[in-house]
């Protein structure tokens, strides 16, 4: 396996200052020495093409590196600048990690370091999850109450909201969490500069990953329709979001196909995401019922959440069925994603 040491020089070119400390291990006969990079100041740089493969990339490997490095550069600069509220930065960092994981899934069949890198970004995002969970649940509760057509005890609602925020927010300060993210993110940025694919020059190098994620989303949709349980609905949403990321990544190579699917897959992911938030809220409501001044309020809200979740599921199934009706082999046959020679 190629060494990732060359990434250090690439990081210097973008204005990073490097130090030494452990980072995620890279499998292979010649792993790089331990590196951790500490962001001091990003240089001004020319605008690079955004989150998508471009014909001018020439190979999938070149596009992979460019997209990942750009995404990580922007994320690290945002953390350092602190121009947004900390909670907003957390949201954007988590979204960036999910975007990179979607990118990795597209090249997964030809990317030897997939498991290592996917785990790295999953851990970074997970370290920030509690910083947003309380706010998301409180917002979901507010929306549910606003649409309720039954009388609810105001004191119980206030107590419930405080409980959600205190329980889910019981973690380190957001600023400290963000500081801890810089080290693994910058280490990943160094590695990304020398990521390689086993078949980087092959025509249609991106098709196997596109097919695999489409198939996973299709299977998850069927499982969710069959069981209706929260876990299967969450799995469907997860694979839909990856498929949406792939449409973003491929919209310059196959504009007609990708752009036609961008909006509906985004909407489908939102519906399933709202369903997931309601499922979590229903669980918390059941747990909190006995601790409220009026336990019946939690019971009523849980029923409202379940009803709203069922409505969202029905909408998601109507939207998802035509998106994933084709078999994976038939779906991918329509896509021409050759980068070589364009």
Foldseek 3Di string as FASTA:
>chain_A
DDELQVLVVVVVVQPWAWDFDAAQWFDDDDYDHGTWTDGDDTDDDDDDDEQADALVLQWLLSRQLRHLLVLLVVLLNCLVVCPDPLLVNLVSLLVSLLLNLLSLLLLVVFFPCNVRSNVLSVVLNVLSVLVCQLVLLLVLLVVLVVPDPDDFDPQLNVVLNVVSNCVSNPDDPSNVSSVVSNGNSRVVSSSSNPGDTNPGNDFPSRLVSLLVLLQQLLVLLVVCVVPVDLVSLVSNLSSLVSNLSVLVHCCNQPVVVSVVVNVLSVVLSVLSVSLNSLVVSLVSLVVCLVVGPHSVNSVVSSVSSVVSSVVSSVVSSVSVCVVNVDRSVVVSVPGGRTSHPD
